[in-house]
């Protein structure tokens, strides 16, 4: 069971890394990070969302 769990975690990590390398996903990740930073500092940075 432990071996299967490690394989599943490895496959999930590989899929997440490959998805994060795509340019459209990088924009989403950067936007989410700036939004989190804005919320954490109590500011209004990152509250405007653009779609497109």
Protein backbone atom coordinates (compact mmCIF):
# COMPACT_ATOMS: atom_id res chain seq x y z
CA UNK A 1 0.00 0.00 0.00
CA UNK A 2 2.82 2.41 0.83
CA UNK A 3 4.48 1.85 -2.53
CA UNK A 4 1.25 2.64 -4.37
CA UNK A 5 0.83 5.80 -2.32
CA UNK A 6 4.33 7.00 -3.26
CA UNK A 7 3.67 6.31 -6.95
CA UNK A 8 0.38 8.20 -6.84
CA UNK A 9 1.99 11.20 -5.12
CA UNK A 10 4.81 11.19 -7.68
CA UNK A 11 2.37 11.10 -10.59
CA UNK A 12 0.32 13.95 -9.10
CA UNK A 13 3.45 16.04 -8.58
CA UNK A 14 4.61 15.39 -12.14
CA UNK A 15 1.23 16.47 -13.52
CA UNK A 16 1.19 19.63 -11.37
CA UNK A 17 4.70 20.60 -12.48
CA UNK A 18 3.92 20.07 -16.16
CA UNK A 19 0.70 22.11 -15.83
CA UNK A 20 2.56 24.93 -14.04
CA UNK A 21 5.01 25.25 -16.93
CA UNK A 22 2.30 26.34 -19.39
CA UNK A 23 2.23 30.13 -19.95
CA UNK A 24 -1.51 30.53 -19.34
CA UNK A 25 -1.22 28.71 -16.01
CA UNK A 26 1.80 30.80 -15.00
CA UNK A 27 -0.34 33.93 -15.33
CA UNK A 28 -3.01 32.39 -13.11
CA UNK A 29 -0.45 31.34 -10.52
CA UNK A 30 1.18 34.79 -10.41
CA UNK A 31 -2.23 36.42 -10.08
CA UNK A 32 -3.20 34.09 -7.23
CA UNK A 33 0.07 34.75 -5.40
CA UNK A 34 -0.28 38.52 -5.69
CA UNK A 35 -3.89 38.23 -4.49
CA UNK A 36 -2.82 36.22 -1.45
CA UNK A 37 -0.08 38.68 -0.63
CA UNK A 38 -2.55 41.54 -0.85
CA UNK A 39 -4.98 39.83 1.50
CA UNK A 40 -2.21 38.91 3.91
CA UNK A 41 -0.96 42.50 4.20
CA UNK A 42 -4.48 43.88 4.47
CA UNK A 43 -4.14 45.94 1.30
CA UNK A 44 -6.32 46.04 -1.78
CA UNK A 45 -3.66 44.83 -4.20
CA UNK A 46 -4.76 42.01 -6.45
CA UNK A 47 -8.49 42.46 -5.95
CA UNK A 48 -9.13 43.39 -9.58
CA UNK A 49 -9.48 40.34 -11.80
CA UNK A 50 -9.03 40.39 -15.52
CA UNK A 51 -10.47 37.72 -17.73
CA UNK A 52 -9.22 36.90 -21.13
